[in-house]
Amino acid sequence: MHQGRPKPDLIIFDCDGVLVDSELLSCRCLSEVLAEFGFALSEAQALELFLGRSTKAIEQHYHDLGQTVPDGFLPRLKSRVLQTFAASLEPIPGVGAVVSDLTVPFCVASSSDIDRVSLSLDVTGLKPLFDDRIYTAQMVKRGKPAPDLFLHAAEKMRIPPARTLVIEDSVSGLQAGKAAGMTVWGFVGGGHYSTRDGQAILSAAGADRVFERMSDFWKDV
């Protein structure tokens, strides 16, 4: 990697915004479903507050505001997201070729639940590349930005954190990877960065490298 560092022994990919271009779709679903339950939240606000976070973070956000998300909210949101993804989700351009060419072990570690990750990879044709090497926030006590999920994935893959590279698109994910003692590259090629300066956002958060095209995965490394 940078400055003559050896290439990693494990690569952990986030899913949303890294493997699949899902963030704008999911934020739109969140905004629409919240509106159904009487909560006003724009797509832009959803992106700012919950990019890279689990649904627990949504509940915690409103709890901190003294509000309670109704019981039917999460099932409704899950249903809307899965329906939308099945109809409209696309892979990040070039990611299939990058993953197919890897010569080191790799896996997925996502804040989304296992059903959503599995559907995302199925719909975009990426599932066979990852098989059962999928780890989600459901498997650990604390989601991103805590390091638990990445440490869990590295343990399951039997690779030390210091020899692991994480590919992330969110500040919370980047913070999680750094807290785990891993090298973290920020990816800003998803649609949610079309109107935001992802390079500045993820660099400021401590990314070891920021890149925009999957075709440049190993460029200048």
Foldseek 3Di string as FASTA:
>chain_A
DPPPDDAFQEEEEAPDPTFKQCLLVLLVLLQVLVVVVPDHDDSVRCCVQAPQAAVVSVQVVQVVVVHGDDPCRVVSSVVSSLVCLLPDMETQPPPQVLLVPDPHHYAYEGQYDPVNRCSNCVSHVNCVSHPPLYWYPVVDDDGFPAQTRVVVSCVVVVHQLCRYEYEEADLRVLNNSVNSNHQYEHEQQHPVCPPPDSVVVVVVSPHPYYDYHPVCVPPPD
